[in-house]
C-alpha cells in the first residue's frame, strides 16, 4: 500500500512540475525551469488481429521543474508516511 501511495505522489509531482514549467516559460527569470524534452512514441504501435486490436504507446514530456517536483513529492510522501506512522 505504501508503494502505491509513493507512486501516486511521484506521478502527481511530475504533473504539477510540468505545469509549473510551462507557466514559467513565459517569465524571463524562470525560463530555465522549462528546459526539457520529450521521450516516447508519437505514433503508437498498433497490433490488429482481426478479432482483437491492441495499441501500444508511451510518451513522456519532462522539464527541470518536473524533475524538481518529482524529487520534492517523493520526499514529502516519505515524511507523510513517517508522520502518519504507515
PDB file of N, CA and C in Angstrom:
ATOM      1  N   UNK A   1       0.822  -1.184   0.000  1.00  0.00           N
ATOM      2  CA  UNK A   1       0.000   0.000   0.000  1.00  0.00           C
ATOM      3  C   UNK A   1       0.872   1.256   0.000  1.00  0.00           C
ATOM      4  N   UNK A   2       1.972   1.194   0.733  1.00  0.00           N
ATOM      5  CA  UNK A   2       2.876   2.335   0.825  1.00  0.00           C
ATOM      6  C   UNK A   2       3.502   2.645  -0.531  1.00  0.00           C
ATOM      7  N   UNK A   3       3.841   1.609  -1.292  1.00  0.00           N
ATOM      8  CA  UNK A   3       4.448   1.802  -2.601  1.00  0.00           C
ATOM      9  C   UNK A   3       3.473   2.455  -3.575  1.00  0.00           C
ATOM     10  N   UNK A   4       2.207   2.081  -3.495  1.00  0.00           N
ATOM     11  CA  UNK A   4       1.200   2.660  -4.381  1.00  0.00           C
ATOM     12  C   UNK A   4       1.052   4.148  -4.112  1.00  0.00           C
ATOM     13  N   UNK A   5       0.977   4.534  -2.834  1.00  0.00           N
ATOM     14  CA  UNK A   5       0.866   5.952  -2.498  1.00  0.00           C
ATOM     15  C   UNK A   5       2.116   6.721  -2.923  1.00  0.00           C
ATOM     16  N   UNK A   6       3.273   6.116  -2.792  1.00  0.00           N
ATOM     17  CA  UNK A   6       4.510   6.776  -3.214  1.00  0.00           C
ATOM     18  C   UNK A   6       4.497   7.005  -4.721  1.00  0.00           C
ATOM     19  N   UNK A   7       4.067   6.018  -5.485  1.00  0.00           N
ATOM     20  CA  UNK A   7       3.986   6.162  -6.938  1.00  0.00           C
ATOM     21  C   UNK A   7       2.988   7.241  -7.321  1.00  0.00           C
ATOM     22  N   UNK A   8       1.843   7.281  -6.634  1.00  0.00           N
ATOM     23  CA  UNK A   8       0.841   8.317  -6.907  1.00  0.00           C
ATOM     24  C   UNK A   8       1.399   9.702  -6.598  1.00  0.00           C
ATOM     25  N   UNK A   9       2.109   9.848  -5.486  1.00  0.00           N
ATOM     26  CA  UNK A   9       2.727  11.125  -5.129  1.00  0.00           C
ATOM     27  C   UNK A   9       3.745  11.542  -6.189  1.00  0.00           C
ATOM     28  N   UNK A  10       4.550  10.614  -6.663  1.00  0.00           N
ATOM     29  CA  UNK A  10       5.574  10.935  -7.654  1.00  0.00           C
ATOM     30  C   UNK A  10       4.940  11.335  -8.985  1.00  0.00           C
ATOM     31  N   UNK A  11       3.910  10.626  -9.411  1.00  0.00           N
ATOM     32  CA  UNK A  11       3.219  10.990 -10.653  1.00  0.00           C
ATOM     33  C   UNK A  11       2.565  12.360 -10.515  1.00  0.00           C
ATOM     34  N   UNK A  12       1.957  12.609  -9.376  1.00  0.00           N
ATOM     35  CA  UNK A  12       1.355  13.914  -9.121  1.00  0.00           C
ATOM     36  C   UNK A  12       2.409  15.019  -9.155  1.00  0.00           C
ATOM     37  N   UNK A  13       3.575  14.751  -8.602  1.00  0.00           N
ATOM     38  CA  UNK A  13       4.673  15.711  -8.642  1.00  0.00           C
ATOM     39  C   UNK A  13       5.123  16.002 -10.063  1.00  0.00           C
ATOM     40  N   UNK A  14       5.182  14.977 -10.893  1.00  0.00           N
ATOM     41  CA  UNK A  14       5.564  15.176 -12.290  1.00  0.00           C
ATOM     42  C   UNK A  14       4.552  16.018 -13.049  1.00  0.00           C
ATOM     43  N   UNK A  15       3.273  15.756 -12.816  1.00  0.00           N
ATOM     44  CA  UNK A  15       2.218  16.519 -13.485  1.00  0.00           C
ATOM     45  C   UNK A  15       2.256  17.979 -13.056  1.00  0.00           C
ATOM     46  N   UNK A  16       2.326  18.216 -11.761  1.00  0.00           N
ATOM     47  CA  UNK A  16       2.364  19.587 -11.256  1.00  0.00           C
ATOM     48  C   UNK A  16       3.642  20.290 -11.704  1.00  0.00           C
ATOM     49  N   UNK A  17       4.764  19.580 -11.673  1.00  0.00           N
ATOM     50  CA  UNK A  17       6.033  20.173 -12.088  1.00  0.00           C
ATOM     51  C   UNK A  17       6.051  20.577 -13.554  1.00  0.00           C
ATOM     52  N   UNK A  18       5.489  19.747 -14.428  1.00  0.00           N
ATOM     53  CA  UNK A  18       5.438  20.116 -15.845  1.00  0.00           C
ATOM     54  C   UNK A  18       4.532  21.316 -16.060  1.00  0.00           C
ATOM     55  N   UNK A  19       3.456  21.385 -15.299  1.00  0.00           N
ATOM     56  CA  UNK A  19       2.593  22.561 -15.373  1.00  0.00           C
ATOM     57  C   UNK A  19       3.303  23.817 -14.925  1.00  0.00           C
ATOM     58  N   UNK A  20       4.047  23.715 -13.848  1.00  0.00           N
ATOM     59  CA  UNK A  20       4.832  24.857 -13.357  1.00  0.00           C
ATOM     60  C   UNK A  20       5.876  25.266 -14.392  1.00  0.00           C
ATOM     61  N   UNK A  21       6.511  24.281 -15.020  1.00  0.00           N
ATOM     62  CA  UNK A  21       7.499  24.579 -16.059  1.00  0.00           C
ATOM     63  C   UNK A  21       6.889  25.307 -17.243  1.00  0.00           C
ATOM     64  N   UNK A  22       5.690  24.900 -17.647  1.00  0.00           N
ATOM     65  CA  UNK A  22       5.017  25.579 -18.756  1.00  0.00           C
ATOM     66  C   UNK A  22       4.659  27.015 -18.394  1.00  0.00           C
ATOM     67  N   UNK A  23       4.218  27.247 -17.162  1.00  0.00           N
ATOM     68  CA  UNK A  23       3.896  28.603 -16.721  1.00  0.00           C
ATOM     69  C   UNK A  23       5.161  29.450 -16.651  1.00  0.00           C
ATOM     70  N   UNK A  24       6.237  28.865 -16.168  1.00  0.00           N
ATOM     71  CA  UNK A  24       7.496  29.605 -16.010  1.00  0.00           C
ATOM     72  C   UNK A  24       8.179  29.910 -17.335  1.00  0.00           C
ATOM     73  N   UNK A  25       7.770  29.260 -18.415  1.00  0.00           N
ATOM     74  CA  UNK A  25       8.409  29.511 -19.710  1.00  0.00           C
ATOM     75  C   UNK A  25       8.155  30.925 -20.212  1.00  0.00           C
ATOM     76  N   UNK A  26       7.109  31.567 -19.728  1.00  0.00           N
ATOM     77  CA  UNK A  26       6.821  32.936 -20.163  1.00  0.00           C
ATOM     78  C   UNK A  26       7.467  33.990 -19.266  1.00  0.00           C
ATOM     79  N   UNK A  27       8.077  33.584 -18.158  1.00  0.00           N
ATOM     80  CA  UNK A  27       8.744  34.507 -17.245  1.00  0.00           C
ATOM     81  C   UNK A  27      10.242  34.441 -17.520  1.00  0.00           C
ATOM     82  N   UNK A  28      10.822  35.575 -17.851  1.00  0.00           N
ATOM     83  CA  UNK A  28      12.221  35.621 -18.301  1.00  0.00           C
ATOM     84  C   UNK A  28      13.197  35.026 -17.281  1.00  0.00           C
ATOM     85  N   UNK A  29      13.027  35.358 -16.000  1.00  0.00           N
ATOM     86  CA  UNK A  29      13.976  34.887 -14.974  1.00  0.00           C
ATOM     87  C   UNK A  29      13.823  33.402 -14.667  1.00  0.00           C
ATOM     88  N   UNK A  30      12.683  32.817 -15.018  1.00  0.00           N
ATOM     89  CA  UNK A  30      12.428  31.414 -14.684  1.00  0.00           C
ATOM     90  C   UNK A  30      12.353  30.509 -15.914  1.00  0.00           C
ATOM     91  N   UNK A  31      12.812  30.987 -17.064  1.00  0.00           N
ATOM     92  CA  UNK A  31      12.748  30.173 -18.281  1.00  0.00           C
ATOM     93  C   UNK A  31      13.551  28.886 -18.175  1.00  0.00           C
ATOM     94  N   UNK A  32      14.573  28.873 -17.334  1.00  0.00           N
ATOM     95  CA  UNK A  32      15.411  27.685 -17.190  1.00  0.00           C
ATOM     96  C   UNK A  32      14.631  26.511 -16.611  1.00  0.00           C
ATOM     97  N   UNK A  33      13.529  26.767 -15.903  1.00  0.00           N
ATOM     98  CA  UNK A  33      12.710  25.674 -15.370  1.00  0.00           C
ATOM     99  C   UNK A  33      11.948  24.936 -16.468  1.00  0.00           C
ATOM    100  N   UNK A  34      11.774  25.557 -17.625  1.00  0.00           N
ATOM    101  CA  UNK A  34      11.021  24.950 -18.721  1.00  0.00           C
ATOM    102  C   UNK A  34      11.899  24.165 -19.682  1.00  0.00           C
ATOM    103  N   UNK A  35      13.205  24.125 -19.447  1.00  0.00           N
ATOM    104  CA  UNK A  35      14.104  23.383 -20.331  1.00  0.00           C
ATOM    105  C   UNK A  35      13.837  21.894 -20.146  1.00  0.00           C
ATOM    106  N   UNK A  36      13.625  21.200 -21.239  1.00  0.00           N
ATOM    107  CA  UNK A  36      13.343  19.772 -21.135  1.00  0.00           C
ATOM    108  C   UNK A  36      13.200  19.142 -22.501  1.00  0.00           C
ATOM    109  N   UNK A  37      12.619  17.974 -22.515  1.00  0.00           N
ATOM    110  CA  UNK A  37      12.458  17.253 -23.765  1.00  0.00           C
ATOM    111  C   UNK A  37      11.314  16.267 -23.700  1.00  0.00           C
ATOM    112  N   UNK A  38      11.172  15.544 -24.791  1.00  0.00           N
ATOM    113  CA  UNK A  38      10.114  14.544 -24.925  1.00  0.00           C
ATOM    114  C   UNK A  38      10.737  13.198 -25.281  1.00  0.00           C
ATOM    115  N   UNK A  39      10.191  12.156 -24.726  1.00  0.00           N
ATOM    116  CA  UNK A  39      10.673  10.803 -24.990  1.00  0.00           C
ATOM    117  C   UNK A  39       9.462   9.917 -25.241  1.00  0.00           C
ATOM    118  N   UNK A  40       9.547   9.054 -26.221  1.00  0.00           N
ATOM    119  CA  UNK A  40       8.481   8.098 -26.446  1.00  0.00           C
ATOM    120  C   UNK A  40       8.095   7.971 -27.903  1.00  0.00           C
ATOM    121  N   UNK A  41       6.969   7.329 -28.144  1.00  0.00           N
ATOM    122  CA  UNK A  41       6.438   7.103 -29.486  1.00  0.00           C
ATOM    123  C   UNK A  41       5.311   8.093 -29.739  1.00  0.00           C
ATOM    124  N   UNK A  42       5.481   8.950 -30.732  1.00  0.00           N
ATOM    125  CA  UNK A  42       4.400   9.875 -31.107  1.00  0.00           C
ATOM    126  C   UNK A  42       3.266   9.104 -31.765  1.00  0.00           C
ATOM    127  N   UNK A  43       3.616   8.134 -32.608  1.00  0.00           N
ATOM    128  CA  UNK A  43       2.615   7.281 -33.255  1.00  0.00           C
ATOM    129  C   UNK A  43       2.654   5.919 -32.581  1.00  0.00           C
ATOM    130  N   UNK A  44       1.596   5.543 -31.881  1.00  0.00           N
ATOM    131  CA  UNK A  44       1.625   4.266 -31.153  1.00  0.00           C
ATOM    132  C   UNK A  44       1.682   3.066 -32.093  1.00  0.00           C
ATOM    133  N   UNK A  45       2.215   1.975 -31.571  1.00  0.00           N
ATOM    134  CA  UNK A  45       2.302   0.713 -32.295  1.00  0.00           C
ATOM    135  C   UNK A  45       0.937   0.029 -32.244  1.00  0.00           C
ATOM    136  N   UNK A  46       0.422  -0.371 -33.380  1.00  0.00           N
ATOM    137  CA  UNK A  46      -0.895  -0.980 -33.463  1.00  0.00           C
ATOM    138  C   UNK A  46      -0.762  -2.435 -33.900  1.00  0.00           C
ATOM    139  N   UNK A  47      -1.354  -3.339 -33.126  1.00  0.00           N
ATOM    140  CA  UNK A  47      -1.385  -4.754 -33.463  1.00  0.00           C
ATOM    141  C   UNK A  47      -2.837  -5.139 -33.693  1.00  0.00           C
ATOM    142  N   UNK A  48      -3.166  -5.450 -34.944  1.00  0.00           N
ATOM    143  CA  UNK A  48      -4.544  -5.782 -35.313  1.00  0.00           C
ATOM    144  C   UNK A  48      -4.628  -7.265 -35.656  1.00  0.00           C
ATOM    145  N   UNK A  49      -5.364  -8.004 -34.834  1.00  0.00           N
ATOM    146  CA  UNK A  49      -5.510  -9.437 -35.035  1.00  0.00           C
ATOM    147  C   UNK A  49      -6.898  -9.804 -35.545  1.00  0.00           C
ATOM    148  N   UNK A  50      -7.575  -8.862 -36.126  1.00  0.00           N
ATOM    149  CA  UNK A  50      -8.906  -9.014 -36.688  1.00  0.00           C
ATOM    150  C   UNK A  50      -9.989  -9.115 -35.612  1.00  0.00           C
ATOM    151  N   UNK A  51      -9.825  -9.944 -34.630  1.00  0.00           N
ATOM    152  CA  UNK A  51     -10.797 -10.032 -33.543  1.00  0.00           C
ATOM    153  C   UNK A  51     -10.366  -9.236 -32.316  1.00  0.00           C
ATOM    154  N   UNK A  52      -9.113  -8.795 -32.306  1.00  0.00           N
ATOM    155  CA  UNK A  52      -8.556  -8.054 -31.181  1.00  0.00           C
ATOM    156  C   UNK A  52      -7.582  -7.010 -31.709  1.00  0.00           C
ATOM    157  N   UNK A  53      -7.744  -5.801 -31.218  1.00  0.00           N
ATOM    158  CA  UNK A  53      -6.854  -4.725 -31.636  1.00  0.00           C
ATOM    159  C   UNK A  53      -6.160  -4.167 -30.402  1.00  0.00           C
ATOM    160  N   UNK A  54      -4.829  -4.211 -30.392  1.00  0.00           N
ATOM    161  CA  UNK A  54      -4.033  -3.718 -29.279  1.00  0.00           C
ATOM    162  C   UNK A  54      -3.212  -2.516 -29.732  1.00  0.00           C
ATOM    163  N   UNK A  55      -3.177  -1.507 -28.894  1.00  0.00           N
ATOM    164  CA  UNK A  55      -2.393  -0.318 -29.180  1.00  0.00           C
ATOM    165  C   UNK A  55      -1.370  -0.144 -28.070  1.00  0.00           C
ATOM    166  N   UNK A  56      -0.108  -0.043 -28.452  1.00  0.00           N
ATOM    167  CA  UNK A  56       0.977   0.141 -27.500  1.00  0.00           C
ATOM    168  C   UNK A  56       1.615   1.498 -27.746  1.00  0.00           C
ATOM    169  N   UNK A  57       1.781   2.253 -26.696  1.00  0.00           N
ATOM    170  CA  UNK A  57       2.445   3.534 -26.847  1.00  0.00           C
ATOM    171  C   UNK A  57       2.755   4.155 -25.502  1.00  0.00           C
ATOM    172  N   UNK A  58       3.806   4.925 -25.482  1.00  0.00           N
ATOM    173  CA  UNK A  58       4.166   5.663 -24.272  1.00  0.00           C
ATOM    174  C   UNK A  58       4.872   6.932 -24.720  1.00  0.00           C
ATOM    175  N   UNK A  59       4.590   8.018 -24.029  1.00  0.00           N
ATOM    176  CA  UNK A  59       5.168   9.308 -24.362  1.00  0.00           C
ATOM    177  C   UNK A  59       5.278  10.109 -23.083  1.00  0.00           C
ATOM    178  N   UNK A  60       6.396  10.740 -22.890  1.00  0.00           N
ATOM    179  CA  UNK A  60       6.634  11.495 -21.662  1.00  0.00           C
ATOM    180  C   UNK A  60       7.296  12.822 -21.999  1.00  0.00           C
ATOM    181  N   UNK A  61       6.766  13.890 -21.445  1.00  0.00           N
ATOM    182  CA  UNK A  61       7.368  15.216 -21.589  1.00  0.00           C
ATOM    183  C   UNK A  61       7.851  15.619 -20.207  1.00  0.00           C
ATOM    184  N   UNK A  62       9.122  15.937 -20.105  1.00  0.00           N
ATOM    185  CA  UNK A  62       9.692  16.257 -18.800  1.00  0.00           C
ATOM    186  C   UNK A  62      10.533  17.530 -18.924  1.00  0.00           C
ATOM    187  N   UNK A  63      10.534  18.310 -17.859  1.00  0.00           N
ATOM    188  CA  UNK A  63      11.359  19.511 -17.808  1.00  0.00           C
ATOM    189  C   UNK A  63      12.005  19.599 -16.429  1.00  0.00           C
ATOM    190  N   UNK A  64      12.820  20.611 -16.227  1.00  0.00           N
ATOM    191  CA  UNK A  64      13.561  20.738 -14.969  1.00  0.00           C
ATOM    192  C   UNK A  64      12.612  20.902 -13.789  1.00  0.00           C
ATOM    193  N   UNK A  65      11.554  21.700 -13.969  1.00  0.00           N
ATOM    194  CA  UNK A  65      10.579  21.880 -12.886  1.00  0.00           C
ATOM    195  C   UNK A  65       9.898  20.553 -12.552  1.00  0.00           C
ATOM    196  N   UNK A  66       9.633  19.729 -13.555  1.00  0.00           N
ATOM    197  CA  UNK A  66       9.033  18.419 -13.320  1.00  0.00           C
ATOM    198  C   UNK A  66       9.934  17.506 -12.516  1.00  0.00           C
ATOM    199  N   UNK A  67      11.225  17.518 -12.831  1.00  0.00           N
ATOM    200  CA  UNK A  67      12.180  16.695 -12.086  1.00  0.00           C
ATOM    201  C   UNK A  67      12.285  17.162 -10.640  1.00  0.00           C
ATOM    202  N   UNK A  68      12.345  18.485 -10.446  1.00  0.00           N
ATOM    203  CA  UNK A  68      12.419  19.019  -9.080  1.00  0.00           C
ATOM    204  C   UNK A  68      11.174  18.649  -8.273  1.00  0.00           C
ATOM    205  N   UNK A  69      10.008  18.722  -8.900  1.00  0.00           N
ATOM    206  CA  UNK A  69       8.769  18.362  -8.188  1.00  0.00           C
ATOM    207  C   UNK A  69       8.680  16.861  -7.939  1.00  0.00           C
ATOM    208  N   UNK A  70       9.211  16.049  -8.860  1.00  0.00           N
ATOM    209  CA  UNK A  70       9.253  14.602  -8.619  1.00  0.00           C
ATOM    210  C   UNK A  70      10.024  14.302  -7.337  1.00  0.00           C
ATOM    211  N   UNK A  71      11.196  14.900  -7.212  1.00  0.00           N
ATOM    212  CA  UNK A  71      12.028  14.683  -6.027  1.00  0.00           C
ATOM    213  C   UNK A  71      11.342  15.240  -4.781  1.00  0.00           C
ATOM    214  N   UNK A  72      10.769  16.428  -4.887  1.00  0.00           N
ATOM    215  CA  UNK A  72      10.092  17.055  -3.757  1.00  0.00           C
ATOM    216  C   UNK A  72       8.907  16.211  -3.281  1.00  0.00           C
ATOM    217  N   UNK A  73       8.086  15.723  -4.197  1.00  0.00           N
ATOM    218  CA  UNK A  73       6.929  14.929  -3.804  1.00  0.00           C
ATOM    219  C   UNK A  73       7.335  13.567  -3.251  1.00  0.00           C
ATOM    220  N   UNK A  74       8.432  12.991  -3.744  1.00  0.00           N
ATOM    221  CA  UNK A  74       8.929  11.736  -3.166  1.00  0.00           C
ATOM    222  C   UNK A  74       9.367  11.967  -1.724  1.00  0.00           C
ATOM    223  N   UNK A  75      10.039  13.089  -1.473  1.00  0.00           N
ATOM    224  CA  UNK A  75      10.455  13.437  -0.118  1.00  0.00           C
ATOM    225  C   UNK A  75       9.237  13.691   0.773  1.00  0.00           C
ATOM    226  N   UNK A  76       8.235  14.413   0.249  1.00  0.00           N
ATOM    227  CA  UNK A  76       7.019  14.702   1.013  1.00  0.00           C
ATOM    228  C   UNK A  76       6.278  13.415   1.352  1.00  0.00           C
ATOM    229  N   UNK A  77       6.197  12.482   0.397  1.00  0.00           N
ATOM    230  CA  UNK A  77       5.487  11.233   0.677  1.00  0.00           C
ATOM    231  C   UNK A  77       6.198  10.437   1.765  1.00  0.00           C
ATOM    232  N   UNK A  78       7.522  10.439   1.753  1.00  0.00           N
ATOM    233  CA  UNK A  78       8.284   9.733   2.778  1.00  0.00           C
ATOM    234  C   UNK A  78       8.018  10.340   4.153  1.00  0.00           C
ATOM    235  N   UNK A  79       8.039  11.674   4.231  1.00  0.00           N
ATOM    236  CA  UNK A  79       7.774  12.351   5.503  1.00  0.00           C
ATOM    237  C   UNK A  79       6.327  12.149   5.951  1.00  0.00           C
ATOM    238  N   UNK A  80       5.398  12.129   4.996  1.00  0.00           N
ATOM    239  CA  UNK A  80       3.983  11.931   5.343  1.00  0.00           C
ATOM    240  C   UNK A  80       3.765  10.531   5.922  1.00  0.00           C
ATOM    241  N   UNK A  81       4.438   9.536   5.372  1.00  0.00           N
ATOM    242  CA  UNK A  81       4.295   8.182   5.898  1.00  0.00           C
ATOM    243  C   UNK A  81       4.858   8.066   7.310  1.00  0.00           C
ATOM    244  N   UNK A  82       5.957   8.736   7.551  1.00  0.00           N
ATOM    245  CA  UNK A  82       6.510   8.719   8.920  1.00  0.00           C
ATOM    246  C   UNK A  82       5.592   9.446   9.881  1.00  0.00           C
ATOM    247  N   UNK A  83       5.010  10.562   9.453  1.00  0.00           N
ATOM    248  CA  UNK A  83       4.111  11.332  10.292  1.00  0.00           C
ATOM    249  C   UNK A  83       2.818  10.560  10.585  1.00  0.00           C
ATOM    250  N   UNK A  84       2.305   9.839   9.566  1.00  0.00           N
ATOM    251  CA  UNK A  84       1.084   9.065   9.727  1.00  0.00           C
ATOM    252  C   UNK A  84       1.351   7.682  10.337  1.00  0.00           C
ATOM    253  N   UNK A  85       2.621   7.335  10.476  1.00  0.00           N
ATOM    254  CA  UNK A  85       3.047   6.031  11.025  1.00  0.00           C
ATOM    255  C   UNK A  85       2.496   4.871  10.209  1.00  0.00           C
ATOM    256  N   UNK A  86       2.677   4.970   8.893  1.00  0.00           N
ATOM    257  CA  UNK A  86       2.214   3.899   7.979  1.00  0.00           C
ATOM    258  C   UNK A  86       3.395   2.998   7.699  1.00  0.00           C
TER     259      UNK A  86
END
